[in-house]
Protein backbone atom coordinates (compact mmCIF):
# COMPACT_ATOMS: atom_id res chain seq x y z
CA MET A 1 -23.26 131.62 -42.17
CA ARG A 2 -22.93 127.73 -42.06
CA LYS A 3 -23.30 125.63 -38.97
CA ILE A 4 -22.02 121.98 -39.47
CA ALA A 5 -22.30 119.27 -37.04
CA VAL A 6 -19.54 116.73 -37.69
CA MET A 7 -20.74 112.94 -36.15
CA ASN A 8 -20.58 109.68 -35.97
CA GLN A 9 -21.49 107.45 -33.07
CA LYS A 10 -18.63 105.08 -33.91
CA GLY A 11 -15.52 106.23 -32.68
CA GLY A 12 -12.18 105.99 -34.48
CA VAL A 13 -13.52 106.80 -38.13
CA GLY A 14 -11.83 110.24 -38.45
CA LYS A 15 -14.47 112.28 -36.97
CA THR A 16 -12.28 114.87 -34.97
CA THR A 17 -9.39 114.83 -37.65
CA THR A 18 -12.03 116.02 -40.03
CA SER A 19 -13.50 118.51 -37.94
CA VAL A 20 -10.29 119.97 -37.08
CA ASN A 21 -8.57 119.96 -40.74
CA LEU A 22 -11.79 121.13 -42.04
CA ALA A 23 -11.92 124.04 -39.81
CA ALA A 24 -8.27 124.87 -40.03
CA GLY A 25 -8.51 124.68 -44.00
CA LEU A 26 -11.49 126.93 -44.39
CA ALA A 27 -9.44 129.42 -42.10
CA LEU A 28 -6.68 128.74 -44.37
CA ARG A 29 -8.75 129.94 -47.56
CA GLY A 30 -9.93 132.95 -45.68
CA ARG A 31 -13.14 132.10 -44.00
CA ARG A 32 -13.68 133.12 -40.20
CA VAL A 33 -14.03 129.81 -38.47
CA CYS A 34 -15.09 128.77 -34.84
CA LEU A 35 -14.54 125.10 -33.98
CA LEU A 36 -16.85 123.86 -31.25
CA ASP A 37 -15.27 120.95 -29.11
CA LEU A 38 -18.18 118.99 -27.63
CA ASP A 39 -16.37 115.88 -26.88
CA PRO A 40 -15.45 115.41 -23.25
CA GLN A 41 -12.20 113.68 -24.75
CA ALA A 42 -11.30 117.11 -25.88
CA HIS A 43 -9.34 115.84 -28.57
CA ALA A 44 -10.08 118.68 -30.81
CA SER A 45 -8.81 121.06 -28.48
CA LEU A 46 -5.85 119.15 -28.20
CA HIS A 47 -5.48 118.71 -31.68
CA VAL A 48 -4.92 122.65 -31.99
CA GLY A 49 -2.41 122.90 -29.22
CA VAL A 50 -5.10 123.51 -26.14
CA GLU A 51 -5.00 121.51 -23.07
CA ILE A 52 -7.19 122.79 -20.49
CA ALA A 53 -5.95 122.97 -16.56
CA GLY A 54 -7.51 124.18 -13.43
CA ASP A 55 -10.50 126.62 -13.73
CA THR A 56 -9.90 127.55 -17.30
CA PRO A 57 -13.72 128.27 -18.76
CA THR A 58 -14.68 125.51 -21.33
CA VAL A 59 -17.96 124.69 -23.04
CA TYR A 60 -18.97 122.73 -19.92
CA HIS A 61 -19.06 125.95 -18.25
CA THR A 62 -21.64 127.47 -20.90
CA PHE A 63 -23.99 124.28 -20.24
CA ALA A 64 -23.57 124.85 -16.79
CA GLY A 65 -24.64 128.42 -17.14
CA THR A 66 -21.52 130.17 -15.82
CA LYS A 67 -19.96 131.46 -19.02
CA THR A 68 -21.10 132.58 -22.55
CA LEU A 69 -19.51 131.22 -25.29
CA ALA A 70 -17.94 134.36 -25.85
CA GLN A 71 -16.20 134.14 -22.69
CA VAL A 72 -14.79 130.62 -23.29
CA ARG A 73 -13.63 130.93 -27.04
CA ARG A 74 -9.99 131.79 -27.91
CA LEU A 75 -8.19 132.57 -31.18
CA VAL A 76 -5.75 129.71 -31.96
CA GLY A 77 -4.61 130.89 -35.56
CA PRO A 78 -5.57 133.22 -38.33
CA ASN A 79 -9.33 133.26 -39.13
CA LEU A 80 -9.71 130.21 -36.39
CA TRP A 81 -11.22 130.38 -33.03
CA LEU A 82 -11.83 127.37 -30.58
CA ILE A 83 -14.27 126.94 -27.89
CA PRO A 84 -12.40 124.26 -25.95
CA SER A 85 -13.66 121.26 -23.94
CA ASN A 86 -12.38 118.71 -21.27
CA LEU A 87 -13.42 115.82 -19.17
CA ASP A 88 -15.76 117.90 -16.95
CA LEU A 89 -18.18 117.86 -20.17
CA ALA A 90 -18.83 114.30 -19.33
CA ALA A 91 -20.82 115.26 -16.34
CA ALA A 92 -23.38 117.49 -18.34
CA GLU A 93 -25.45 114.46 -19.45
CA LEU A 94 -26.18 113.84 -15.78
CA GLU A 95 -26.50 117.41 -14.81
CA LEU A 96 -28.64 118.30 -17.29
CA ALA A 97 -31.01 115.20 -17.16
CA ASP A 98 -33.87 117.21 -15.38
CA THR A 99 -33.36 120.47 -17.25
CA VAL A 100 -36.08 121.69 -19.07
CA GLY A 101 -35.12 122.58 -22.50
CA ARG A 102 -31.98 120.86 -22.05
CA GLU A 103 -31.72 120.23 -26.01
CA LEU A 104 -31.56 123.85 -26.94
CA ILE A 105 -28.71 125.30 -24.44
CA LEU A 106 -26.36 125.30 -27.08
CA ARG A 107 -28.54 126.93 -29.83
CA GLU A 108 -29.49 130.03 -27.66
CA ALA A 109 -25.73 130.33 -26.43
CA THR A 110 -24.74 130.31 -29.80
CA ALA A 111 -27.28 132.63 -31.17
CA GLU A 112 -26.19 135.09 -28.37
CA MET A 113 -22.47 134.84 -29.43
CA LEU A 114 -23.08 135.16 -33.21
CA ALA A 115 -25.22 138.40 -32.64
CA HIS A 116 -21.99 140.00 -31.50
CA GLU A 117 -19.38 138.02 -33.39
CA PRO A 118 -20.32 136.83 -36.89
CA TYR A 119 -18.37 133.73 -38.34
CA ASP A 120 -18.67 132.18 -41.91
CA TYR A 121 -18.58 128.75 -40.75
CA LEU A 122 -19.28 127.17 -36.98
CA ILE A 123 -17.61 123.32 -36.77
CA MET A 124 -18.93 121.25 -33.96
CA ASP A 125 -16.86 118.11 -33.30
CA CYS A 126 -19.81 115.98 -31.56
CA PRO A 127 -18.66 113.00 -29.28
CA PRO A 128 -18.96 109.42 -30.38
CA SER A 129 -22.47 108.80 -29.00
CA LEU A 130 -26.07 109.94 -29.71
CA GLY A 131 -26.73 111.63 -26.20
CA VAL A 132 -27.67 115.31 -25.19
CA LEU A 133 -24.44 117.00 -26.32
CA THR A 134 -24.89 115.77 -29.89
CA ILE A 135 -28.75 116.30 -29.69
CA ASN A 136 -27.58 119.85 -28.78
CA ALA A 137 -25.13 120.00 -31.90
CA LEU A 138 -28.17 118.79 -33.96
CA THR A 139 -30.58 121.48 -32.60
CA THR A 140 -27.99 124.23 -33.43
CA ALA A 141 -26.69 123.02 -36.78
CA ASP A 142 -27.83 123.36 -40.03
CA GLU A 143 -25.95 120.59 -41.60
CA VAL A 144 -24.31 117.36 -40.77
CA PHE A 145 -21.34 116.05 -42.15
CA ILE A 146 -20.87 112.22 -41.35
CA PRO A 147 -17.48 110.91 -41.65
CA LEU A 148 -17.29 107.14 -42.65
CA GLN A 149 -14.66 104.40 -42.93
CA PRO A 150 -15.56 102.50 -46.04
CA HIS A 151 -16.46 99.22 -44.10
CA PHE A 152 -19.58 97.39 -44.61
CA LEU A 153 -19.93 97.58 -40.45
CA ALA A 154 -19.93 101.41 -40.93
CA LEU A 155 -22.73 101.14 -43.21
CA HIS A 156 -24.95 99.27 -40.64
CA GLY A 157 -24.28 102.04 -37.99
CA LEU A 158 -25.07 104.80 -40.28
CA SER A 159 -29.01 103.76 -40.26
CA LYS A 160 -29.16 104.63 -36.74
CA LEU A 161 -27.46 108.08 -37.11
CA LEU A 162 -29.44 109.06 -39.92
CA GLU A 163 -32.72 107.90 -37.74
CA THR A 164 -31.42 110.57 -35.01
CA THR A 165 -31.39 113.42 -37.56
CA ALA A 166 -34.71 112.60 -38.85
CA LEU A 167 -36.02 112.66 -35.38
CA VAL A 168 -34.65 115.81 -34.38
CA THR A 169 -35.77 117.18 -37.70
CA ARG A 170 -39.06 116.45 -36.94
CA ARG A 171 -39.27 117.71 -33.55
CA LEU A 172 -36.55 120.24 -32.77
CA ASN A 173 -34.56 121.71 -35.98
CA ARG A 174 -36.68 121.93 -39.14
CA ARG A 175 -33.87 123.48 -41.08
CA LEU A 176 -31.57 120.40 -40.12
CA LYS A 177 -30.19 118.43 -43.25
CA VAL A 178 -27.12 115.72 -43.83
CA SER A 179 -25.26 117.42 -46.47
CA GLY A 180 -22.24 115.27 -47.09
CA VAL A 181 -20.48 111.92 -46.21
CA VAL A 182 -16.86 111.91 -45.87
CA LEU A 183 -14.96 108.74 -46.75
CA CYS A 184 -12.05 108.52 -44.19
CA MET A 185 -9.08 106.12 -44.01
CA TYR A 186 -9.82 105.38 -47.37
CA GLU A 187 -7.59 102.48 -49.06
CA THR A 188 -6.90 103.29 -52.54
CA GLY A 189 -7.37 100.28 -55.08
CA THR A 190 -9.25 97.93 -52.70
CA ARG A 191 -12.33 96.43 -53.98
CA LEU A 192 -14.22 96.52 -50.41
CA ALA A 193 -13.75 100.43 -50.30
CA VAL A 194 -15.21 100.76 -53.97
CA ASP A 195 -18.01 98.29 -52.99
CA VAL A 196 -19.03 100.35 -49.91
CA ALA A 197 -18.90 103.68 -51.68
CA GLU A 198 -21.30 102.02 -54.57
CA ASP A 199 -23.48 100.97 -51.85
CA LEU A 200 -23.72 104.02 -50.06
CA ALA A 201 -24.33 106.06 -53.36
CA ASP A 202 -27.11 103.78 -54.05
CA PHE A 203 -28.54 104.07 -50.84
CA LEU A 204 -28.61 107.97 -50.98
CA SER A 205 -30.10 107.92 -54.50
CA GLN A 206 -33.04 105.78 -53.34
CA SER A 207 -34.01 107.96 -50.11
CA ASP A 208 -37.20 109.36 -49.62
CA ARG A 209 -37.23 113.20 -50.88
CA ASP A 210 -38.51 114.10 -47.53
CA ALA A 211 -35.84 112.73 -45.55
CA PRO A 212 -33.01 115.03 -44.43
CA TRP A 213 -30.43 113.22 -46.17
CA SER A 214 -32.14 112.98 -49.53
CA THR A 215 -29.83 115.77 -51.02
CA ALA A 216 -26.63 114.38 -48.97
CA ARG A 217 -23.46 114.08 -51.52
CA ILE A 218 -20.36 111.66 -51.04
CA PHE A 219 -17.61 114.07 -51.23
CA GLN A 220 -15.42 113.14 -54.32
CA THR A 221 -12.12 113.63 -52.29
CA ARG A 222 -11.35 110.57 -50.44
CA ILE A 223 -9.39 110.91 -47.12
CA ARG A 224 -6.67 108.42 -47.81
CA ARG A 225 -4.96 106.74 -44.72
CA ASN A 226 -1.75 108.91 -43.94
CA ILE A 227 0.32 108.41 -41.04
CA LYS A 228 0.88 112.34 -40.72
CA LEU A 229 -2.87 112.55 -40.12
CA ALA A 230 -2.24 110.43 -37.05
CA GLU A 231 0.79 112.08 -35.91
CA ALA A 232 -0.32 116.10 -36.37
CA PRO A 233 -2.50 115.72 -33.22
CA SER A 234 0.64 114.86 -30.73
CA PHE A 235 2.11 117.97 -32.01
CA GLY A 236 -0.67 120.13 -31.28
CA ARG A 237 -0.96 121.28 -34.96
CA SER A 238 -3.60 120.74 -38.00
CA ILE A 239 -2.04 119.05 -41.02
CA PHE A 240 -1.58 121.88 -43.04
CA ASP A 241 0.68 123.29 -40.30
CA TYR A 242 2.26 119.85 -39.60
CA ALA A 243 2.74 118.55 -42.76
CA PRO A 244 1.53 120.75 -45.48
CA LYS A 245 2.96 118.70 -48.48
CA CYS A 246 1.77 115.13 -47.43
CA PRO A 247 -1.19 113.36 -49.04
CA GLY A 248 -3.27 114.09 -45.73
CA SER A 249 -3.13 117.50 -46.49
CA LEU A 250 -3.73 117.66 -50.15
CA ASP A 251 -6.96 115.64 -49.02
CA TYR A 252 -8.26 117.79 -46.59
CA LEU A 253 -7.59 120.75 -48.92
CA GLY A 254 -9.58 118.92 -51.67
CA LEU A 255 -12.48 118.36 -49.02
CA VAL A 256 -12.44 122.16 -48.21
CA ASP A 257 -12.76 123.20 -51.55
CA GLU A 258 -15.60 120.88 -52.16
CA VAL A 259 -17.36 122.36 -49.16
CA LEU A 260 -16.45 125.92 -50.53
CA VAL A 261 -18.21 125.00 -53.56
CA MET A 262 -21.42 124.20 -51.59
CA GLU A 263 -21.67 127.74 -50.91
CA GLN A 264 -23.19 128.17 -54.28
CA PRO A 265 -26.90 127.07 -54.20
CA ALA A 266 -26.86 126.58 -57.92
CA VAL A 267 -24.46 123.49 -57.47
CA LEU A 268 -25.98 120.01 -57.58
CA PRO A 269 -25.08 117.37 -55.18
CA LEU A 270 -22.35 115.06 -56.37
CA ARG A 271 -22.13 111.22 -56.33
CA MET A 272 -19.19 109.12 -55.89
CA ALA A 273 -17.76 107.64 -59.10
CA GLY A 274 -17.31 103.97 -58.81
């Protein structure tokens, strides 16, 4: 089983769009997938048509210790389960401030769920911050995928994100590695996008081999700007259900197929061609 945290502390880079459509695409390819929404904004939940009302259990109740993940999850499509979120999760940061072992709550809850209900993939949509919720995702995950908009300022913020993964690897989760960077909102034909991709490839190729990102690949599939990707969440549907023939759908299917190839351990990391 692969446990993947999709994270970037910067908002608006395609993180939730990538989490949802990667999960939906893997399910479409026949894998059993659980999508875990760790963002209090609950955009991943809304994206698959789930809006929490009243006392409906969410992942917040798992952090509060009143529900297991198995009691929270729900089937939202063939091969696809969701563990939903809502605004209550924002309180978890404060409520857990003095809790011993707060960084490990999600890992222990996930292990309990997976002992009874195995999945092929656990995809965690992290909030746009590096707080306790994201740290919980990183202690649970084996891999990190980083959605990145090809702008120079995005590269600047990447260093802080990588420092966080290195810290978690040293102190909490020796298995954790950054395995892929997804270039989102890619504007084909612009020199800026090409330059940023080349700079990122150079940085990764020169990384210390002991760094958690030393074997990271830049996925060859670029997620191009596409209005259908922006429209799909308002209909509560993945891009494959909303507009299966649009460029956004084709791009995310390409990403899904690259992720599936990574299941083969002999495959070498790919670098972005200029």
